[in-house]
């Protein structure tokens, strides 16, 4: 399934209405990630955070630290939205 349009995915997010739960401190971030598991728009959410270098909260099932590590490991990626869509298409 291709990634959804940028402005429509938040309406389908499993965390809709739970935003405060996705911005915990420290170790509670790992617990907050469980909200993301099974979410149908997880890739869109993650791409949003990575493309816009969002530093706070849990996005797409990844903590701030995990996203920073991913950005460092793949500094060549210019569009995470495109990168994740290509990965999804290759796996199907």
N, C-alpha and C. Protein backbone atom coordinates (compact mmCIF):
# COMPACT_ATOMS: atom_id res chain seq x y z
N UNK A 1 0.84 -1.18 0.00
CA UNK A 1 0.00 0.00 0.00
C UNK A 1 0.89 1.24 0.00
N UNK A 2 0.69 2.16 -0.92
CA UNK A 2 1.52 3.37 -0.97
C UNK A 2 1.23 4.28 0.22
N UNK A 3 2.21 5.11 0.55
CA UNK A 3 1.99 6.05 1.63
C UNK A 3 0.85 7.00 1.25
N UNK A 4 0.09 7.42 2.24
CA UNK A 4 -1.06 8.28 2.03
C UNK A 4 -0.62 9.72 1.78
N UNK A 5 -1.56 10.53 1.31
CA UNK A 5 -1.30 11.95 1.12
C UNK A 5 -0.89 12.56 2.46
N UNK A 6 -0.03 13.55 2.40
CA UNK A 6 0.53 14.14 3.60
C UNK A 6 -0.53 14.67 4.56
N UNK A 7 -1.58 15.25 4.06
CA UNK A 7 -2.55 15.89 4.94
C UNK A 7 -3.67 14.98 5.40
N UNK A 8 -3.77 13.77 4.88
CA UNK A 8 -4.90 12.92 5.26
C UNK A 8 -4.55 11.83 6.27
N UNK A 9 -3.30 11.49 6.43
CA UNK A 9 -2.96 10.38 7.32
C UNK A 9 -3.28 10.61 8.79
N UNK A 10 -3.17 11.83 9.34
CA UNK A 10 -3.45 11.97 10.79
C UNK A 10 -4.87 11.58 11.18
N UNK A 11 -5.82 11.67 10.28
CA UNK A 11 -7.19 11.31 10.59
C UNK A 11 -7.34 9.82 10.86
N UNK A 12 -6.41 9.01 10.35
CA UNK A 12 -6.47 7.55 10.52
C UNK A 12 -5.52 7.03 11.59
N UNK A 13 -4.78 7.93 12.21
CA UNK A 13 -3.78 7.50 13.20
C UNK A 13 -4.44 6.88 14.43
N UNK A 14 -3.85 5.81 14.89
CA UNK A 14 -4.33 5.09 16.06
C UNK A 14 -4.24 5.97 17.32
N UNK A 15 -3.33 6.93 17.32
CA UNK A 15 -3.12 7.79 18.47
C UNK A 15 -3.99 9.05 18.45
N UNK A 16 -4.83 9.18 17.46
CA UNK A 16 -5.65 10.39 17.34
C UNK A 16 -6.37 10.66 18.66
N UNK A 17 -6.18 11.85 19.19
CA UNK A 17 -6.78 12.21 20.46
C UNK A 17 -5.92 11.87 21.67
N UNK A 18 -4.80 11.21 21.45
CA UNK A 18 -3.92 10.81 22.56
C UNK A 18 -2.58 11.53 22.53
N UNK A 19 -2.51 12.68 21.90
CA UNK A 19 -1.23 13.35 21.68
C UNK A 19 -0.43 13.54 22.97
N UNK A 20 -1.07 13.85 24.07
CA UNK A 20 -0.33 14.04 25.32
C UNK A 20 0.40 12.77 25.74
N UNK A 21 -0.15 11.62 25.42
CA UNK A 21 0.49 10.35 25.76
C UNK A 21 1.74 10.08 24.93
N UNK A 22 1.90 10.78 23.82
CA UNK A 22 3.03 10.53 22.92
C UNK A 22 4.20 11.48 23.15
N UNK A 23 4.11 12.31 24.18
CA UNK A 23 5.19 13.23 24.48
C UNK A 23 5.66 13.09 25.93
N UNK A 24 5.95 11.84 26.36
CA UNK A 24 6.41 11.60 27.73
C UNK A 24 7.91 11.89 27.85
N UNK A 25 8.38 11.86 29.07
CA UNK A 25 9.81 12.06 29.34
C UNK A 25 10.53 10.73 29.45
N UNK A 26 11.80 10.74 29.06
CA UNK A 26 12.72 9.63 29.28
C UNK A 26 12.22 8.25 28.93
N UNK A 27 12.35 7.34 29.88
CA UNK A 27 12.05 5.92 29.66
C UNK A 27 10.59 5.67 29.31
N UNK A 28 9.70 6.57 29.67
CA UNK A 28 8.29 6.40 29.35
C UNK A 28 8.03 6.46 27.84
N UNK A 29 8.99 6.97 27.08
CA UNK A 29 8.84 7.00 25.63
C UNK A 29 8.71 5.59 25.06
N UNK A 30 9.49 4.67 25.59
CA UNK A 30 9.44 3.30 25.07
C UNK A 30 8.07 2.69 25.31
N UNK A 31 7.46 3.00 26.44
CA UNK A 31 6.11 2.52 26.72
C UNK A 31 5.11 3.17 25.76
N UNK A 32 5.30 4.44 25.48
CA UNK A 32 4.39 5.16 24.60
C UNK A 32 4.41 4.61 23.17
N UNK A 33 5.53 4.03 22.76
CA UNK A 33 5.64 3.47 21.40
C UNK A 33 4.60 2.40 21.14
N UNK A 34 4.17 1.71 22.18
CA UNK A 34 3.23 0.60 21.98
C UNK A 34 1.92 1.07 21.35
N UNK A 35 1.58 2.34 21.51
CA UNK A 35 0.38 2.90 20.87
C UNK A 35 0.51 2.79 19.36
N UNK A 36 1.72 2.90 18.85
CA UNK A 36 1.97 2.91 17.41
C UNK A 36 1.90 1.53 16.76
N UNK A 37 2.11 0.49 17.53
CA UNK A 37 2.14 -0.85 16.95
C UNK A 37 0.78 -1.18 16.35
N UNK A 38 0.78 -1.63 15.13
CA UNK A 38 -0.46 -1.99 14.45
C UNK A 38 -1.17 -0.80 13.81
N UNK A 39 -0.60 0.39 13.89
CA UNK A 39 -1.22 1.57 13.29
C UNK A 39 -1.01 1.54 11.77
N UNK A 40 -2.07 1.74 11.04
CA UNK A 40 -1.99 1.65 9.58
C UNK A 40 -1.26 2.82 8.93
N UNK A 41 -1.02 3.90 9.66
CA UNK A 41 -0.32 5.05 9.08
C UNK A 41 1.01 5.31 9.79
N UNK A 42 1.57 4.28 10.35
CA UNK A 42 2.84 4.40 11.08
C UNK A 42 3.96 4.94 10.19
N UNK A 43 4.06 4.45 8.96
CA UNK A 43 5.12 4.91 8.05
C UNK A 43 4.96 6.38 7.71
N UNK A 44 3.73 6.83 7.50
CA UNK A 44 3.48 8.24 7.18
C UNK A 44 3.88 9.13 8.36
N UNK A 45 3.56 8.67 9.55
CA UNK A 45 3.89 9.40 10.77
C UNK A 45 5.40 9.51 10.94
N UNK A 46 6.08 8.40 10.77
CA UNK A 46 7.53 8.39 10.89
C UNK A 46 8.17 9.30 9.84
N UNK A 47 7.70 9.22 8.61
CA UNK A 47 8.23 10.07 7.55
C UNK A 47 8.04 11.55 7.88
N UNK A 48 6.89 11.89 8.43
CA UNK A 48 6.63 13.29 8.83
C UNK A 48 7.68 13.77 9.83
N UNK A 49 7.94 12.96 10.84
CA UNK A 49 8.90 13.34 11.87
C UNK A 49 10.32 13.43 11.33
N UNK A 50 10.71 12.47 10.49
CA UNK A 50 12.07 12.46 9.96
C UNK A 50 12.29 13.57 8.94
N UNK A 51 11.35 13.76 8.04
CA UNK A 51 11.49 14.81 7.02
C UNK A 51 11.51 16.20 7.63
N UNK A 52 10.81 16.39 8.73
CA UNK A 52 10.71 17.70 9.36
C UNK A 52 11.60 17.83 10.59
N UNK A 53 12.43 16.81 10.83
CA UNK A 53 13.38 16.80 11.96
C UNK A 53 12.68 17.16 13.27
N UNK A 54 11.53 16.55 13.51
CA UNK A 54 10.79 16.76 14.74
C UNK A 54 11.55 16.08 15.87
N UNK A 55 11.91 16.85 16.87
CA UNK A 55 12.78 16.35 17.93
C UNK A 55 12.05 15.79 19.13
N UNK A 56 10.78 16.07 19.30
CA UNK A 56 10.08 15.69 20.52
C UNK A 56 9.03 14.64 20.28
N UNK A 57 8.88 13.76 21.24
CA UNK A 57 7.79 12.80 21.23
C UNK A 57 8.07 11.52 20.46
N UNK A 58 7.08 10.67 20.47
CA UNK A 58 7.12 9.39 19.75
C UNK A 58 6.36 9.59 18.45
N UNK A 59 7.00 9.24 17.36
CA UNK A 59 6.40 9.36 16.02
C UNK A 59 6.68 8.07 15.27
N UNK A 60 5.68 7.48 14.69
CA UNK A 60 5.87 6.27 13.90
C UNK A 60 6.48 5.13 14.69
N UNK A 61 6.27 5.13 15.99
CA UNK A 61 6.80 4.06 16.83
C UNK A 61 8.25 4.22 17.23
N UNK A 62 8.83 5.38 16.95
CA UNK A 62 10.24 5.61 17.30
C UNK A 62 10.37 6.77 18.27
N UNK A 63 11.26 6.60 19.22
CA UNK A 63 11.55 7.65 20.20
C UNK A 63 12.46 8.70 19.56
N UNK A 64 12.64 9.78 20.28
CA UNK A 64 13.53 10.85 19.80
C UNK A 64 14.93 10.31 19.52
N UNK A 65 15.45 9.54 20.45
CA UNK A 65 16.80 8.99 20.32
C UNK A 65 16.90 8.05 19.11
N UNK A 66 15.91 7.22 18.91
CA UNK A 66 15.91 6.28 17.78
C UNK A 66 15.87 7.03 16.45
N UNK A 67 15.09 8.09 16.39
CA UNK A 67 15.03 8.87 15.14
C UNK A 67 16.35 9.58 14.88
N UNK A 68 16.96 10.14 15.91
CA UNK A 68 18.26 10.80 15.72
C UNK A 68 19.30 9.81 15.19
N UNK A 69 19.31 8.60 15.74
CA UNK A 69 20.25 7.58 15.29
C UNK A 69 19.99 7.23 13.83
N UNK A 70 18.73 7.06 13.47
CA UNK A 70 18.37 6.73 12.09
C UNK A 70 18.80 7.85 11.13
N UNK A 71 18.60 9.09 11.52
CA UNK A 71 19.01 10.22 10.69
C UNK A 71 20.52 10.25 10.50
N UNK A 72 21.26 9.94 11.56
CA UNK A 72 22.73 9.90 11.45
C UNK A 72 23.18 8.75 10.54
N UNK A 73 22.56 7.60 10.70
CA UNK A 73 22.95 6.42 9.92
C UNK A 73 22.63 6.57 8.44
N UNK A 74 21.62 7.36 8.13
CA UNK A 74 21.19 7.52 6.73
C UNK A 74 21.14 8.99 6.36
N UNK A 75 22.24 9.68 6.54
CA UNK A 75 22.29 11.11 6.26
C UNK A 75 22.10 11.43 4.78
N UNK A 76 22.23 10.42 3.93
CA UNK A 76 22.05 10.64 2.49
C UNK A 76 20.58 10.75 2.08
N UNK A 77 19.67 10.32 2.93
CA UNK A 77 18.25 10.34 2.59
C UNK A 77 17.73 11.77 2.63
N UNK A 78 17.15 12.21 1.54
CA UNK A 78 16.61 13.57 1.44
C UNK A 78 15.10 13.59 1.66
N UNK A 79 14.43 12.51 1.30
CA UNK A 79 12.99 12.41 1.50
C UNK A 79 12.68 11.08 2.16
N UNK A 80 12.38 11.10 3.44
CA UNK A 80 12.02 9.87 4.14
C UNK A 80 10.69 9.35 3.66
N UNK A 81 9.83 10.23 3.25
CA UNK A 81 8.53 9.82 2.71
C UNK A 81 8.75 8.93 1.49
N UNK A 82 9.60 9.37 0.59
CA UNK A 82 9.91 8.60 -0.62
C UNK A 82 10.67 7.32 -0.26
N UNK A 83 11.65 7.45 0.64
CA UNK A 83 12.46 6.30 1.05
C UNK A 83 11.58 5.19 1.63
N UNK A 84 10.67 5.56 2.54
CA UNK A 84 9.80 4.55 3.17
C UNK A 84 8.80 3.99 2.17
N UNK A 85 8.30 4.82 1.27
CA UNK A 85 7.37 4.32 0.24
C UNK A 85 8.08 3.32 -0.65
N UNK A 86 9.32 3.60 -1.04
CA UNK A 86 10.09 2.67 -1.88
C UNK A 86 10.32 1.36 -1.14
N UNK A 87 10.61 1.44 0.16
CA UNK A 87 10.84 0.23 0.96
C UNK A 87 9.58 -0.61 1.03
N UNK A 88 8.43 0.02 1.21
CA UNK A 88 7.16 -0.69 1.27
C UNK A 88 6.88 -1.36 -0.08
N UNK A 89 7.13 -0.63 -1.17
CA UNK A 89 6.87 -1.19 -2.50
C UNK A 89 7.80 -2.36 -2.82
N UNK A 90 9.03 -2.31 -2.36
CA UNK A 90 9.98 -3.40 -2.61
C UNK A 90 9.63 -4.66 -1.82
N UNK A 91 9.02 -4.46 -0.66
CA UNK A 91 8.69 -5.63 0.17
C UNK A 91 7.38 -6.30 -0.25
N UNK A 92 6.59 -5.63 -1.08
CA UNK A 92 5.31 -6.25 -1.48
C UNK A 92 5.38 -6.89 -2.85
